[in-house]
Protein backbone atom coordinates (compact mmCIF):
# COMPACT_ATOMS: atom_id res chain seq x y z
CA UNK A 1 -143.71 43.23 -61.12
CA UNK A 2 -147.61 42.57 -62.03
CA UNK A 3 -150.26 45.12 -62.97
CA UNK A 4 -152.18 46.67 -60.42
CA UNK A 5 -155.54 45.94 -59.21
CA UNK A 6 -158.47 47.49 -57.95
CA UNK A 7 -159.04 46.64 -54.21
CA UNK A 8 -163.13 47.26 -53.63
CA UNK A 9 -163.63 47.12 -50.34
CA UNK A 10 -160.83 50.13 -49.60
CA UNK A 11 -161.29 51.83 -52.87
CA UNK A 12 -157.77 52.02 -53.57
CA UNK A 13 -155.58 50.69 -56.10
CA UNK A 14 -152.90 48.01 -55.08
CA UNK A 15 -149.97 46.34 -56.91
CA UNK A 16 -148.22 43.06 -55.67
CA UNK A 17 -144.41 43.13 -54.87
CA UNK A 18 -141.98 40.46 -55.54
CA UNK A 19 -142.26 38.28 -52.64
CA UNK A 20 -145.86 39.13 -52.11
CA UNK A 21 -145.91 42.17 -50.10
CA UNK A 22 -149.42 44.43 -51.46
CA UNK A 23 -148.29 47.81 -51.75
CA UNK A 24 -151.20 50.38 -51.87
CA UNK A 25 -150.74 53.27 -54.85
CA UNK A 26 -153.50 55.59 -53.92
CA UNK A 27 -157.48 55.80 -53.44
CA UNK A 28 -160.00 56.09 -56.20
CA UNK A 29 -163.43 56.24 -55.75
CA UNK A 30 -163.94 55.48 -59.85
CA UNK A 31 -162.22 52.66 -59.77
CA UNK A 32 -164.26 50.51 -60.13
CA UNK A 33 -165.63 51.40 -63.40
CA UNK A 34 -162.33 51.86 -64.63
CA UNK A 35 -160.55 48.87 -67.04
CA UNK A 36 -157.54 50.83 -66.44
CA UNK A 37 -156.00 52.74 -63.56
CA UNK A 38 -155.84 56.32 -64.02
CA UNK A 39 -152.45 57.96 -65.04
CA UNK A 40 -151.23 58.79 -61.13
CA UNK A 41 -151.66 55.70 -60.25
CA UNK A 42 -149.69 54.01 -63.67
CA UNK A 43 -146.66 56.59 -62.58
CA UNK A 44 -147.03 55.48 -58.52
CA UNK A 45 -146.24 51.82 -60.23
CA UNK A 46 -143.72 52.60 -62.39
CA UNK A 47 -142.04 54.63 -59.56
CA UNK A 48 -141.73 51.60 -57.51
CA UNK A 49 -141.46 49.06 -60.12
CA UNK A 50 -138.34 51.17 -60.64
CA UNK A 51 -137.48 50.75 -57.41
CA UNK A 52 -138.10 47.36 -56.53
CA UNK A 53 -136.89 45.35 -59.44
CA UNK A 54 -134.55 42.58 -58.19
CA UNK A 55 -130.66 42.81 -58.86
CA UNK A 56 -129.14 40.64 -61.11
CA UNK A 57 -128.11 37.40 -59.50
CA UNK A 58 -125.46 35.22 -60.11
CA UNK A 59 -126.29 31.45 -59.59
CA UNK A 60 -123.72 31.12 -56.51
CA UNK A 61 -125.49 33.65 -54.57
CA UNK A 62 -129.01 32.32 -55.00
CA UNK A 63 -127.31 28.86 -54.24
CA UNK A 64 -125.78 30.23 -50.83
CA UNK A 65 -129.02 32.01 -49.36
CA UNK A 66 -130.72 28.57 -50.19
CA UNK A 67 -128.83 26.73 -48.28
CA UNK A 68 -129.07 28.88 -45.48
CA UNK A 69 -132.51 28.64 -45.54
CA UNK A 70 -132.46 25.02 -44.91
CA UNK A 71 -132.69 23.95 -41.83
CA UNK A 72 -132.25 19.58 -42.37
CA UNK A 73 -128.80 18.82 -42.28
CA UNK A 74 -129.69 15.83 -44.69
CA UNK A 75 -131.37 18.17 -46.67
CA UNK A 76 -129.21 20.67 -47.29
CA UNK A 77 -126.32 17.83 -47.84
CA UNK A 78 -128.00 16.18 -50.56
CA UNK A 79 -128.97 20.11 -52.38
CA UNK A 80 -125.43 21.04 -51.87
CA UNK A 81 -123.59 18.28 -53.41
CA UNK A 82 -126.36 18.55 -56.52
CA UNK A 83 -125.98 22.33 -56.48
CA UNK A 84 -122.05 22.27 -56.65
CA UNK A 85 -121.96 19.56 -59.08
CA UNK A 86 -124.05 22.12 -61.32
CA UNK A 87 -122.45 24.89 -60.56
CA UNK A 88 -119.22 23.18 -61.67
CA UNK A 89 -120.97 22.60 -64.95
CA UNK A 90 -122.43 26.27 -65.61
CA UNK A 91 -119.90 27.96 -63.72
CA UNK A 92 -120.42 29.79 -60.63
CA UNK A 93 -120.51 33.27 -61.93
CA UNK A 94 -123.54 32.34 -64.36
CA UNK A 95 -126.73 34.69 -63.84
CA UNK A 96 -129.54 33.44 -62.70
CA UNK A 97 -131.26 35.28 -66.20
CA UNK A 98 -128.89 32.99 -68.53
CA UNK A 99 -129.93 29.85 -67.00
CA UNK A 100 -132.43 27.73 -69.38
CA UNK A 101 -133.74 23.92 -69.54
CA UNK A 102 -130.82 23.05 -71.53
CA UNK A 103 -128.26 23.95 -69.31
CA UNK A 104 -130.09 21.24 -67.12
CA UNK A 105 -130.59 19.14 -69.82
CA UNK A 106 -127.37 19.18 -70.59
CA UNK A 107 -125.26 18.55 -67.30
CA UNK A 108 -127.66 15.86 -66.82
CA UNK A 109 -126.35 14.30 -70.05
CA UNK A 110 -123.08 14.56 -68.73
CA UNK A 111 -123.94 12.03 -65.76
CA UNK A 112 -124.12 8.78 -67.95
CA UNK A 113 -124.14 6.54 -65.03
CA UNK A 114 -126.70 8.61 -62.67
CA UNK A 115 -130.18 6.71 -62.67
CA UNK A 116 -133.38 8.41 -63.50
CA UNK A 117 -133.88 8.94 -59.58
CA UNK A 118 -130.50 10.56 -59.33
CA UNK A 119 -131.52 13.01 -61.82
CA UNK A 120 -134.79 13.87 -60.74
CA UNK A 121 -133.36 14.62 -57.59
CA UNK A 122 -131.04 17.08 -59.02
CA UNK A 123 -133.58 18.57 -61.36
CA UNK A 124 -135.88 19.31 -57.55
CA UNK A 125 -132.63 20.86 -55.90
CA UNK A 126 -132.11 23.20 -59.09
CA UNK A 127 -135.90 24.09 -59.61
CA UNK A 128 -136.00 24.65 -55.18
CA UNK A 129 -133.09 26.93 -55.00
CA UNK A 130 -135.10 29.36 -57.92
CA UNK A 131 -138.63 28.90 -56.66
CA UNK A 132 -137.40 29.99 -52.78
CA UNK A 133 -135.19 32.76 -55.17
CA UNK A 134 -138.51 34.01 -56.75
CA UNK A 135 -140.85 33.96 -53.85
CA UNK A 136 -138.57 35.75 -51.40
CA UNK A 137 -138.03 38.66 -53.98
CA UNK A 138 -134.26 38.08 -54.83
CA UNK A 139 -135.15 37.59 -58.47
CA UNK A 140 -138.30 38.39 -60.20
CA UNK A 141 -138.63 34.84 -62.38
CA UNK A 142 -136.51 32.41 -63.92
CA UNK A 143 -136.81 30.28 -67.00
CA UNK A 144 -135.92 26.88 -65.70
CA UNK A 145 -138.95 24.94 -65.99
CA UNK A 146 -139.51 21.94 -67.96
CA UNK A 147 -141.98 21.17 -70.55
CA UNK A 148 -144.58 18.30 -69.44
CA UNK A 149 -143.42 14.85 -69.45
CA UNK A 150 -139.73 15.64 -69.84
CA UNK A 151 -138.33 15.58 -66.95
CA UNK A 152 -136.73 12.76 -65.69
CA UNK A 153 -139.11 10.98 -62.87
CA UNK A 154 -138.00 8.76 -59.42
CA UNK A 155 -137.75 5.22 -60.41
CA UNK A 156 -139.91 2.53 -58.84
CA UNK A 157 -136.69 -0.31 -57.30
CA UNK A 158 -137.68 -3.75 -59.12
CA UNK A 159 -135.03 -5.86 -57.52
CA UNK A 160 -136.61 -8.79 -54.99
CA UNK A 161 -134.59 -10.83 -53.46
CA UNK A 162 -135.08 -14.92 -53.60
CA UNK A 163 -135.16 -16.39 -50.45
CA UNK A 164 -132.26 -17.77 -50.87
CA UNK A 165 -130.53 -14.28 -51.23
CA UNK A 166 -131.80 -13.26 -48.50
CA UNK A 167 -130.63 -16.29 -46.45
CA UNK A 168 -127.53 -15.46 -47.35
CA UNK A 169 -127.13 -12.08 -46.97
CA UNK A 170 -128.62 -12.88 -42.68
CA UNK A 171 -126.35 -15.28 -42.78
CA UNK A 172 -123.37 -13.18 -43.69
CA UNK A 173 -123.95 -10.38 -41.42
CA UNK A 174 -122.98 -9.42 -38.41
CA UNK A 175 -125.40 -10.20 -35.14
CA UNK A 176 -126.63 -7.24 -34.65
CA UNK A 177 -127.09 -6.12 -38.12
CA UNK A 178 -129.17 -9.65 -38.51
CA UNK A 179 -131.58 -8.70 -35.85
CA UNK A 180 -132.52 -5.53 -38.32
CA UNK A 181 -132.94 -7.66 -41.22
CA UNK A 182 -134.86 -10.22 -40.22
CA UNK A 183 -137.18 -7.47 -38.39
CA UNK A 184 -137.51 -5.86 -41.81
CA UNK A 185 -138.16 -9.33 -43.33
CA UNK A 186 -140.84 -10.26 -40.91
CA UNK A 187 -142.39 -6.69 -40.35
CA UNK A 188 -142.01 -4.94 -43.82
CA UNK A 189 -140.87 -2.09 -41.69
CA UNK A 190 -138.77 0.41 -43.46
CA UNK A 191 -134.87 0.16 -42.08
CA UNK A 192 -134.59 3.91 -40.70
CA UNK A 193 -137.74 2.99 -38.95
CA UNK A 194 -136.33 -0.06 -37.06
CA UNK A 195 -133.01 1.98 -36.57
CA UNK A 196 -135.29 4.62 -34.64
CA UNK A 197 -137.60 2.01 -32.69
CA UNK A 198 -138.09 2.48 -28.70
CA UNK A 199 -138.76 -0.22 -26.44
CA UNK A 200 -141.25 2.14 -24.59
CA UNK A 201 -143.19 2.26 -27.92
CA UNK A 202 -143.64 -1.62 -28.11
CA UNK A 203 -147.05 -3.25 -27.08
CA UNK A 204 -146.77 -6.86 -26.75
CA UNK A 205 -150.21 -7.21 -25.92
CA UNK A 206 -151.37 -6.10 -28.93
CA UNK A 207 -148.15 -7.27 -31.09
CA UNK A 208 -147.48 -3.97 -32.69
CA UNK A 209 -145.11 -1.35 -32.39
CA UNK A 210 -144.96 2.63 -33.09
CA UNK A 211 -142.38 3.86 -35.27
CA UNK A 212 -141.64 7.71 -36.71
CA UNK A 213 -143.57 8.42 -39.57
CA UNK A 214 -141.43 9.17 -42.73
CA UNK A 215 -144.05 11.69 -43.64
CA UNK A 216 -145.06 13.31 -40.58
CA UNK A 217 -143.71 16.50 -41.79
CA UNK A 218 -146.46 16.42 -44.62
CA UNK A 219 -149.36 14.93 -42.44
CA UNK A 220 -148.82 15.96 -39.18
CA UNK A 221 -148.88 12.13 -38.19
CA UNK A 222 -145.93 11.37 -36.29
CA UNK A 223 -145.76 7.57 -36.11
CA UNK A 224 -147.51 4.78 -37.73
CA UNK A 225 -147.81 1.06 -35.94
CA UNK A 226 -146.18 -1.74 -37.09
CA UNK A 227 -147.78 -5.29 -36.65
């Protein structure tokens, strides 16, 4: 738990509990001139620290709470797949306090067929579960933090189909799928955008269709135009 700090407007010493909640320790008229809190404030702080210190948690318990927190079914499914694989490697009964970066790197090293993007997704899910548990106050801290530049990054797709390959793909496809492939080629839209397209969102006069924006949760912009 962090050390107490003095709140000038109320002339009180307060402390931030795990999870972010603020707890008042007591008033002190001379707190603004003190370098350290007085003995009674120190005693109150240590008493709260002993009571509020999160218990040792197992990785499996943290994962269960994190999965319950996720509301998007697709996100939860991906997270569960990666976290189940990681727990199968480390063992479900390992304590979070015992986890280190080398557990993750050893796990990824065992996945010889995985691309960097898959490894980056696995790291993201593991650290997200630990960060969630810390933010909620289930654990006090965790040690799975990678040094700068040492974490696999998402790779860019570098394969570009030739005109002949694209034509062969379209010719061999089912007619319903072929319409999607042709529309992707002509518009540059993503597959998910075209599959979610609705007829009432088509403006023929302006030659534009409004489709769901994949970054709408971050940007707040629900739709984007495809011309």
